[in-house]
Amino acid sequence: MNAVSELRVMAYTADGLLDANPAYVEALRLLGTDGRGEILVAADEEQRLLGTIMFEPWSPESEIARNADEAEIRAFAVSPQARGRGVGRDLVNALVERAREEGVARLLLSTLPEMVSAQYVYRARGFERVPERDWTPMPGVTLLAYELVVKD
């Protein structure tokens, strides 16, 4: 788990995403350590970690999932050295397949407006904006919500 935590922090730091809220570093490190959710990883032939993403089924603590048939994507991060090689796409596709296996109807996520590359990956996979689920976890930080209908 330590390598996953450090990759998340490294990727978010490289993109300047922790500048506005350095306290989020610890939350980012701890995501998935409480037993809620499932962490998926991508590694190369030498088992070097390239990226990670977290599948979190609905719970009362969910950020934007509201029902038991919904789940969230959390902590999507790709090593800066691995970007542009399809790692992010493969992680998102694997997570969508995992959601399908679990019978999830809708997959939701929150993203900062600055996370343009991640949003590109989400839109390419079929995620659509759901502005009615945008939210503000702290003053000055607005998160954009996206949704993918996994099954009808």
C-alpha atoms as a PDB file:
ATOM      1  CA  MET A   1       0.000   0.000   0.000  1.00  0.00           C
ATOM      2  CA  ASN A   2       2.897   2.349   0.682  1.00  0.00           C
ATOM      3  CA  ALA A   3       3.987   2.356  -2.985  1.00  0.00           C
ATOM      4  CA  VAL A   4       0.415   3.132  -4.073  1.00  0.00           C
ATOM      5  CA  SER A   5       0.148   5.966  -1.549  1.00  0.00           C
ATOM      6  CA  GLU A   6       3.444   7.470  -2.640  1.00  0.00           C
ATOM      7  CA  LEU A   7       2.560   7.202  -6.337  1.00  0.00           C
ATOM      8  CA  ARG A   8      -0.683   9.075  -5.684  1.00  0.00           C
ATOM      9  CA  VAL A   9       1.119  11.864  -3.839  1.00  0.00           C
ATOM     10  CA  MET A  10       3.877  12.049  -6.483  1.00  0.00           C
ATOM     11  CA  ALA A  11       1.386  12.266  -9.366  1.00  0.00           C
ATOM     12  CA  TYR A  12      -0.838  14.853  -7.676  1.00  0.00           C
ATOM     13  CA  THR A  13       2.213  16.892  -6.626  1.00  0.00           C
ATOM     14  CA  ALA A  14       3.678  16.809 -10.156  1.00  0.00           C
ATOM     15  CA  ASP A  15       0.438  18.333 -11.434  1.00  0.00           C
ATOM     16  CA  GLY A  16       0.358  21.008  -8.722  1.00  0.00           C
ATOM     17  CA  LEU A  17      -2.912  19.620  -7.388  1.00  0.00           C
ATOM     18  CA  LEU A  18      -1.876  19.664  -3.746  1.00  0.00           C
ATOM     19  CA  ASP A  19      -0.745  23.304  -3.704  1.00  0.00           C
ATOM     20  CA  ALA A  20      -4.154  24.657  -2.664  1.00  0.00           C
ATOM     21  CA  ASN A  21      -4.720  22.001   0.000  1.00  0.00           C
ATOM     22  CA  PRO A  22      -1.529  20.382   1.347  1.00  0.00           C
ATOM     23  CA  ALA A  23      -3.592  18.706   4.075  1.00  0.00           C
ATOM     24  CA  TYR A  24      -5.102  16.446   1.384  1.00  0.00           C
ATOM     25  CA  VAL A  25      -1.762  14.605   1.155  1.00  0.00           C
ATOM     26  CA  GLU A  26      -2.580  12.504   4.210  1.00  0.00           C
ATOM     27  CA  ALA A  27      -6.121  11.757   3.019  1.00  0.00           C
ATOM     28  CA  LEU A  28      -4.729  10.695  -0.365  1.00  0.00           C
ATOM     29  CA  ARG A  29      -2.257   8.362   1.337  1.00  0.00           C
ATOM     30  CA  LEU A  30      -4.948   6.782   3.512  1.00  0.00           C
ATOM     31  CA  LEU A  31      -7.598   6.139   0.849  1.00  0.00           C
ATOM     32  CA  GLY A  32      -8.332   2.432   0.782  1.00  0.00           C
ATOM     33  CA  THR A  33      -6.552   1.564   4.022  1.00  0.00           C
ATOM     34  CA  ASP A  34      -9.836   1.370   5.951  1.00  0.00           C
ATOM     35  CA  GLY A  35     -11.073  -1.664   4.036  1.00  0.00           C
ATOM     36  CA  ARG A  36     -13.627   0.300   2.045  1.00  0.00           C
ATOM     37  CA  GLY A  37     -13.004   0.049  -1.637  1.00  0.00           C
ATOM     38  CA  GLU A  38     -10.657  -1.884  -3.841  1.00  0.00           C
ATOM     39  CA  ILE A  39      -7.373  -0.562  -5.189  1.00  0.00           C
ATOM     40  CA  LEU A  40      -6.442  -1.490  -8.749  1.00  0.00           C
ATOM     41  CA  VAL A  41      -2.896  -1.003 -10.017  1.00  0.00           C
ATOM     42  CA  ALA A  42      -1.002  -1.074 -13.298  1.00  0.00           C
ATOM     43  CA  ALA A  43       2.617  -2.219 -13.353  1.00  0.00           C
ATOM     44  CA  ASP A  44       5.210  -2.792 -16.054  1.00  0.00           C
ATOM     45  CA  GLU A  45       7.119  -6.004 -16.832  1.00  0.00           C
ATOM     46  CA  GLU A  46       9.572  -5.269 -14.017  1.00  0.00           C
ATOM     47  CA  GLN A  47       6.653  -4.813 -11.588  1.00  0.00           C
ATOM     48  CA  ARG A  48       7.229  -1.056 -11.310  1.00  0.00           C
ATOM     49  CA  LEU A  49       4.025   0.710 -10.356  1.00  0.00           C
ATOM     50  CA  LEU A  50       2.695   2.850 -13.225  1.00  0.00           C
ATOM     51  CA  GLY A  51      -0.710   3.903 -11.961  1.00  0.00           C
ATOM     52  CA  THR A  52      -3.556   3.264  -9.577  1.00  0.00           C
ATOM     53  CA  ILE A  53      -7.278   3.815  -9.233  1.00  0.00           C
ATOM     54  CA  MET A  54      -9.755   2.943  -6.496  1.00  0.00           C
ATOM     55  CA  PHE A  55     -13.211   1.365  -6.807  1.00  0.00           C
ATOM     56  CA  GLU A  56     -15.438   2.310  -3.877  1.00  0.00           C
ATOM     57  CA  PRO A  57     -18.982   0.901  -3.698  1.00  0.00           C
ATOM     58  CA  TRP A  58     -21.657   3.109  -2.158  1.00  0.00           C
ATOM     59  CA  SER A  59     -21.628   3.505   1.609  1.00  0.00           C
ATOM     60  CA  PRO A  60     -23.086   6.132   3.956  1.00  0.00           C
ATOM     61  CA  GLU A  61     -19.658   7.843   3.796  1.00  0.00           C
ATOM     62  CA  SER A  62     -19.662   8.124  -0.018  1.00  0.00           C
ATOM     63  CA  GLU A  63     -18.857  11.553  -1.378  1.00  0.00           C
ATOM     64  CA  ILE A  64     -21.261  11.661  -4.336  1.00  0.00           C
ATOM     65  CA  ALA A  65     -22.746   8.167  -4.720  1.00  0.00           C
ATOM     66  CA  ARG A  66     -26.239   8.278  -3.260  1.00  0.00           C
ATOM     67  CA  ASN A  67     -27.629   4.773  -3.674  1.00  0.00           C
ATOM     68  CA  ALA A  68     -26.572   1.148  -3.240  1.00  0.00           C
ATOM     69  CA  ASP A  69     -26.476   0.666  -7.027  1.00  0.00           C
ATOM     70  CA  GLU A  70     -23.839   3.400  -7.401  1.00  0.00           C
ATOM     71  CA  ALA A  71     -20.085   3.343  -6.830  1.00  0.00           C
ATOM     72  CA  GLU A  72     -17.276   5.877  -6.974  1.00  0.00           C
ATOM     73  CA  ILE A  73     -13.907   6.147  -8.650  1.00  0.00           C
ATOM     74  CA  ARG A  74     -11.337   7.577  -6.260  1.00  0.00           C
ATOM     75  CA  ALA A  75      -7.631   8.455  -6.253  1.00  0.00           C
ATOM     76  CA  PHE A  76      -6.880   8.014  -9.977  1.00  0.00           C
ATOM     77  CA  ALA A  77      -3.161   8.589 -10.464  1.00  0.00           C
ATOM     78  CA  VAL A  78      -0.626   7.756 -13.169  1.00  0.00           C
ATOM     79  CA  SER A  79       3.101   8.204 -12.703  1.00  0.00           C
ATOM     80  CA  PRO A  80       4.320  11.199 -14.731  1.00  0.00           C
ATOM     81  CA  GLN A  81       6.845   8.893 -16.436  1.00  0.00           C
ATOM     82  CA  ALA A  82       4.060   6.529 -17.571  1.00  0.00           C
ATOM     83  CA  ARG A  83       1.682   9.092 -19.027  1.00  0.00           C
ATOM     84  CA  GLY A  84       0.724   8.954 -22.680  1.00  0.00           C
ATOM     85  CA  ARG A  85       1.068   5.157 -22.807  1.00  0.00           C
ATOM     86  CA  GLY A  86      -2.567   4.189 -22.186  1.00  0.00           C
ATOM     87  CA  VAL A  87      -2.069   3.378 -18.503  1.00  0.00           C
ATOM     88  CA  GLY A  88      -4.889   5.671 -17.387  1.00  0.00           C
ATOM     89  CA  ARG A  89      -7.239   4.336 -20.048  1.00  0.00           C
ATOM     90  CA  ASP A  90      -6.479   0.749 -19.043  1.00  0.00           C
ATOM     91  CA  LEU A  91      -7.048   1.485 -15.351  1.00  0.00           C
ATOM     92  CA  VAL A  92     -10.396   3.173 -15.999  1.00  0.00           C
ATOM     93  CA  ASN A  93     -11.473   0.308 -18.290  1.00  0.00           C
ATOM     94  CA  ALA A  94     -10.511  -2.255 -15.631  1.00  0.00           C
ATOM     95  CA  LEU A  95     -12.464  -0.347 -13.001  1.00  0.00           C
ATOM     96  CA  VAL A  96     -15.549  -0.122 -15.235  1.00  0.00           C
ATOM     97  CA  GLU A  97     -15.346  -3.881 -15.770  1.00  0.00           C
ATOM     98  CA  ARG A  98     -15.043  -4.387 -12.011  1.00  0.00           C
ATOM     99  CA  ALA A  99     -18.140  -2.235 -11.464  1.00  0.00           C
ATOM    100  CA  ARG A 100     -20.001  -4.280 -14.070  1.00  0.00           C
ATOM    101  CA  GLU A 101     -19.035  -7.511 -12.264  1.00  0.00           C
ATOM    102  CA  GLU A 102     -20.436  -6.054  -9.035  1.00  0.00           C
ATOM    103  CA  GLY A 103     -23.739  -5.109 -10.686  1.00  0.00           C
ATOM    104  CA  VAL A 104     -23.182  -1.365 -10.304  1.00  0.00           C
ATOM    105  CA  ALA A 105     -25.667   0.712 -12.297  1.00  0.00           C
ATOM    106  CA  ARG A 106     -23.789   4.042 -12.183  1.00  0.00           C
ATOM    107  CA  LEU A 107     -20.161   4.886 -11.624  1.00  0.00           C
ATOM    108  CA  LEU A 108     -19.432   8.393 -10.334  1.00  0.00           C
ATOM    109  CA  LEU A 109     -16.335  10.459  -9.724  1.00  0.00           C
ATOM    110  CA  SER A 110     -15.243  13.905  -8.632  1.00  0.00           C
ATOM    111  CA  THR A 111     -12.406  15.782 -10.295  1.00  0.00           C
ATOM    112  CA  LEU A 112     -10.799  19.178 -10.025  1.00  0.00           C
ATOM    113  CA  PRO A 113     -11.326  21.463 -13.031  1.00  0.00           C
ATOM    114  CA  GLU A 114      -7.526  21.440 -13.533  1.00  0.00           C
ATOM    115  CA  MET A 115      -7.431  17.656 -14.036  1.00  0.00           C
ATOM    116  CA  VAL A 116      -7.849  18.014 -17.791  1.00  0.00           C
ATOM    117  CA  SER A 117      -5.958  14.835 -18.746  1.00  0.00           C
ATOM    118  CA  ALA A 118      -8.037  12.699 -16.395  1.00  0.00           C
ATOM    119  CA  GLN A 119     -11.233  14.275 -17.706  1.00  0.00           C
ATOM    120  CA  TYR A 120     -10.147  13.400 -21.245  1.00  0.00           C
ATOM    121  CA  VAL A 121      -9.771   9.749 -20.218  1.00  0.00           C
ATOM    122  CA  TYR A 122     -13.178   9.766 -18.507  1.00  0.00           C
ATOM    123  CA  ARG A 123     -14.977  11.347 -21.468  1.00  0.00           C
ATOM    124  CA  ALA A 124     -13.288   8.964 -23.917  1.00  0.00           C
ATOM    125  CA  ARG A 125     -14.665   6.074 -21.836  1.00  0.00           C
ATOM    126  CA  GLY A 126     -18.194   7.512 -21.979  1.00  0.00           C
ATOM    127  CA  PHE A 127     -18.429   9.405 -18.699  1.00  0.00           C
ATOM    128  CA  GLU A 128     -20.629  12.489 -18.843  1.00  0.00           C
ATOM    129  CA  ARG A 129     -20.748  15.577 -16.659  1.00  0.00           C
ATOM    130  CA  VAL A 130     -23.453  15.654 -13.994  1.00  0.00           C
ATOM    131  CA  PRO A 131     -23.242  19.242 -12.702  1.00  0.00           C
ATOM    132  CA  GLU A 132     -26.047  18.647 -10.211  1.00  0.00           C
ATOM    133  CA  ARG A 133     -23.586  16.485  -8.254  1.00  0.00           C
ATOM    134  CA  ASP A 134     -20.714  19.008  -8.280  1.00  0.00           C
ATOM    135  CA  TRP A 135     -19.696  19.848  -4.735  1.00  0.00           C
ATOM    136  CA  THR A 136     -17.392  21.984  -2.640  1.00  0.00           C
ATOM    137  CA  PRO A 137     -15.423  20.046   0.010  1.00  0.00           C
ATOM    138  CA  MET A 138     -13.787  23.233   1.293  1.00  0.00           C
ATOM    139  CA  PRO A 139     -13.987  26.943   0.491  1.00  0.00           C
ATOM    140  CA  GLY A 140     -12.423  27.732  -2.869  1.00  0.00           C
ATOM    141  CA  VAL A 141     -12.370  24.108  -4.081  1.00  0.00           C
ATOM    142  CA  THR A 142     -15.162  22.960  -6.382  1.00  0.00           C
ATOM    143  CA  LEU A 143     -15.158  19.393  -7.645  1.00  0.00           C
ATOM    144  CA  LEU A 144     -16.778  18.473 -10.944  1.00  0.00           C
ATOM    145  CA  ALA A 145     -18.876  15.303 -11.044  1.00  0.00           C
ATOM    146  CA  TYR A 146     -18.916  12.751 -13.865  1.00  0.00           C
ATOM    147  CA  GLU A 147     -21.073   9.666 -14.304  1.00  0.00           C
ATOM    148  CA  LEU A 148     -21.053   6.530 -16.423  1.00  0.00           C
ATOM    149  CA  VAL A 149     -24.175   4.411 -16.726  1.00  0.00           C
ATOM    150  CA  VAL A 150     -22.758   0.900 -16.408  1.00  0.00           C
ATOM    151  CA  LYS A 151     -26.038  -0.953 -16.800  1.00  0.00           C
ATOM    152  CA  ASP A 152     -29.602   0.087 -17.475  1.00  0.00           C
END
